[in-house]
Amino acid sequence: FAIGPHLCRPGAKTLVAPDGSALKLTEKEVAILRYLHRAGAATVSRDELVQEVFGYHAEVTTHTLETHIYRLRQKLEIDPSAARLLVTDPGGYRLMA
């Protein structure tokens, strides 16, 4: 599936850039991208992502999700500090088409 100019290949755990180069993705990175992609234009809450991807209850305090989002932005974004593809919305995260 496409994420902006990139092509995500979940089976191969790769993110293919427009120039054809491929970056390896971790299992959790693939799961996050897949879940957000399935949500379409909807914002997915942090608690929902933590539950669905990591299997943690919402009450668990962890920065695991934020760490994975940070690393994904390093791979996806031209300027990770100004995310345009993997955005933070009030209450959660969303992939931009």
C-alpha atoms as a PDB file:
ATOM      1  CA  PHE A   1       0.000   0.000   0.000  1.00  0.00           C
ATOM      2  CA  ALA A   2       1.078   3.580  -0.624  1.00  0.00           C
ATOM      3  CA  ILE A   3       2.063   6.083   2.046  1.00  0.00           C
ATOM      4  CA  GLY A   4       2.621   9.352   0.241  1.00  0.00           C
ATOM      5  CA  PRO A   5       5.393   8.697  -2.291  1.00  0.00           C
ATOM      6  CA  HIS A   6       6.470   5.484  -0.513  1.00  0.00           C
ATOM      7  CA  LEU A   7       5.308   1.923  -1.009  1.00  0.00           C
ATOM      8  CA  CYS A   8       4.921  -0.227   2.089  1.00  0.00           C
ATOM      9  CA  ARG A   9       5.435  -3.952   1.537  1.00  0.00           C
ATOM     10  CA  PRO A  10       4.291  -5.589   4.791  1.00  0.00           C
ATOM     11  CA  GLY A  11       5.217  -9.129   3.764  1.00  0.00           C
ATOM     12  CA  ALA A  12       8.786  -8.104   3.023  1.00  0.00           C
ATOM     13  CA  LYS A  13       8.879  -5.653   5.965  1.00  0.00           C
ATOM     14  CA  THR A  14      10.162  -2.912   3.692  1.00  0.00           C
ATOM     15  CA  LEU A  15       9.372   0.665   2.825  1.00  0.00           C
ATOM     16  CA  VAL A  16      10.289   1.475  -0.768  1.00  0.00           C
ATOM     17  CA  ALA A  17      11.232   5.097  -1.430  1.00  0.00           C
ATOM     18  CA  PRO A  18      10.442   6.897  -4.703  1.00  0.00           C
ATOM     19  CA  ASP A  19      14.035   6.333  -5.864  1.00  0.00           C
ATOM     20  CA  GLY A  20      13.571   2.567  -5.461  1.00  0.00           C
ATOM     21  CA  SER A  21      15.682   2.191  -2.340  1.00  0.00           C
ATOM     22  CA  ALA A  22      14.213  -0.011   0.371  1.00  0.00           C
ATOM     23  CA  LEU A  23      14.321   0.520   4.115  1.00  0.00           C
ATOM     24  CA  LYS A  24      13.778  -2.343   6.525  1.00  0.00           C
ATOM     25  CA  LEU A  25      10.830  -2.088   8.895  1.00  0.00           C
ATOM     26  CA  THR A  26      10.399  -3.892  12.183  1.00  0.00           C
ATOM     27  CA  GLU A  27       7.410  -6.136  12.821  1.00  0.00           C
ATOM     28  CA  LYS A  28       5.864  -3.478  15.089  1.00  0.00           C
ATOM     29  CA  GLU A  29       6.466  -0.690  12.559  1.00  0.00           C
ATOM     30  CA  VAL A  30       4.658  -2.757   9.930  1.00  0.00           C
ATOM     31  CA  ALA A  31       1.793  -3.427  12.363  1.00  0.00           C
ATOM     32  CA  ILE A  32       1.435   0.284  13.171  1.00  0.00           C
ATOM     33  CA  LEU A  33       1.441   1.297   9.504  1.00  0.00           C
ATOM     34  CA  ARG A  34      -0.982  -1.478   8.562  1.00  0.00           C
ATOM     35  CA  TYR A  35      -3.402  -0.535  11.349  1.00  0.00           C
ATOM     36  CA  LEU A  36      -3.299   3.165  10.515  1.00  0.00           C
ATOM     37  CA  HIS A  37      -3.702   2.408   6.807  1.00  0.00           C
ATOM     38  CA  ARG A  38      -6.825   0.341   7.497  1.00  0.00           C
ATOM     39  CA  ALA A  39      -8.284   3.243   9.490  1.00  0.00           C
ATOM     40  CA  GLY A  40      -8.213   5.413   6.369  1.00  0.00           C
ATOM     41  CA  ALA A  41      -8.648   9.111   7.128  1.00  0.00           C
ATOM     42  CA  ALA A  42      -9.743   8.442  10.719  1.00  0.00           C
ATOM     43  CA  THR A  43      -7.556   9.325  13.665  1.00  0.00           C
ATOM     44  CA  VAL A  44      -6.612   6.264  15.713  1.00  0.00           C
ATOM     45  CA  SER A  45      -6.244   6.903  19.427  1.00  0.00           C
ATOM     46  CA  ARG A  46      -2.993   6.178  21.197  1.00  0.00           C
ATOM     47  CA  ASP A  47      -4.801   3.729  23.510  1.00  0.00           C
ATOM     48  CA  GLU A  48      -6.273   1.822  20.558  1.00  0.00           C
ATOM     49  CA  LEU A  49      -2.879   1.528  18.852  1.00  0.00           C
ATOM     50  CA  VAL A  50      -1.184   0.402  22.061  1.00  0.00           C
ATOM     51  CA  GLN A  51      -3.866  -2.253  22.578  1.00  0.00           C
ATOM     52  CA  GLU A  52      -3.985  -3.489  18.975  1.00  0.00           C
ATOM     53  CA  VAL A  53      -0.271  -3.439  18.148  1.00  0.00           C
ATOM     54  CA  PHE A  54       1.373  -4.160  21.493  1.00  0.00           C
ATOM     55  CA  GLY A  55      -1.422  -5.886  23.387  1.00  0.00           C
ATOM     56  CA  TYR A  56      -1.105  -3.550  26.378  1.00  0.00           C
ATOM     57  CA  HIS A  57      -4.080  -2.304  28.332  1.00  0.00           C
ATOM     58  CA  ALA A  58      -4.791   1.400  28.101  1.00  0.00           C
ATOM     59  CA  GLU A  59      -3.819   1.856  31.746  1.00  0.00           C
ATOM     60  CA  VAL A  60      -0.217   0.792  31.102  1.00  0.00           C
ATOM     61  CA  THR A  61       2.135   3.761  30.932  1.00  0.00           C
ATOM     62  CA  THR A  62       4.731   3.260  28.236  1.00  0.00           C
ATOM     63  CA  HIS A  63       6.517   5.313  25.622  1.00  0.00           C
ATOM     64  CA  THR A  64       6.964   2.331  23.324  1.00  0.00           C
ATOM     65  CA  LEU A  65       4.421   3.607  20.814  1.00  0.00           C
ATOM     66  CA  GLU A  66       5.937   7.074  20.717  1.00  0.00           C
ATOM     67  CA  THR A  67       9.385   5.579  20.143  1.00  0.00           C
ATOM     68  CA  HIS A  68       8.094   3.549  17.193  1.00  0.00           C
ATOM     69  CA  ILE A  69       6.276   6.585  15.757  1.00  0.00           C
ATOM     70  CA  TYR A  70       9.496   8.603  16.055  1.00  0.00           C
ATOM     71  CA  ARG A  71      11.476   5.918  14.203  1.00  0.00           C
ATOM     72  CA  LEU A  72       8.816   5.590  11.504  1.00  0.00           C
ATOM     73  CA  ARG A  73       8.899   9.334  10.919  1.00  0.00           C
ATOM     74  CA  GLN A  74      12.672   9.134  10.480  1.00  0.00           C
ATOM     75  CA  LYS A  75      12.047   6.643   7.659  1.00  0.00           C
ATOM     76  CA  LEU A  76       8.962   8.255   6.085  1.00  0.00           C
ATOM     77  CA  GLU A  77       9.311  11.993   6.368  1.00  0.00           C
ATOM     78  CA  ILE A  78      11.526  14.451   4.503  1.00  0.00           C
ATOM     79  CA  ASP A  79      11.519  16.562   7.670  1.00  0.00           C
ATOM     80  CA  PRO A  80      10.563  14.330  10.627  1.00  0.00           C
ATOM     81  CA  SER A  81      10.090  17.366  12.885  1.00  0.00           C
ATOM     82  CA  ALA A  82       7.303  18.597  10.575  1.00  0.00           C
ATOM     83  CA  ALA A  83       5.450  15.358   9.859  1.00  0.00           C
ATOM     84  CA  ARG A  84       3.193  15.364   6.815  1.00  0.00           C
ATOM     85  CA  LEU A  85       2.599  11.635   6.282  1.00  0.00           C
ATOM     86  CA  LEU A  86       2.376  10.196   9.797  1.00  0.00           C
ATOM     87  CA  VAL A  87       0.655  12.985  11.677  1.00  0.00           C
ATOM     88  CA  THR A  88      -0.321  13.509  15.280  1.00  0.00           C
ATOM     89  CA  ASP A  89      -3.892  14.636  15.740  1.00  0.00           C
ATOM     90  CA  PRO A  90      -5.567  15.547  19.010  1.00  0.00           C
ATOM     91  CA  GLY A  91      -6.011  12.184  20.672  1.00  0.00           C
ATOM     92  CA  GLY A  92      -4.050  10.001  18.269  1.00  0.00           C
ATOM     93  CA  TYR A  93      -2.310   9.362  14.972  1.00  0.00           C
ATOM     94  CA  ARG A  94      -3.280   9.288  11.313  1.00  0.00           C
ATOM     95  CA  LEU A  95      -1.674   8.428   7.973  1.00  0.00           C
ATOM     96  CA  MET A  96      -2.074  10.959   5.194  1.00  0.00           C
ATOM     97  CA  ALA A  97      -2.645   9.552   1.719  1.00  0.00           C
END
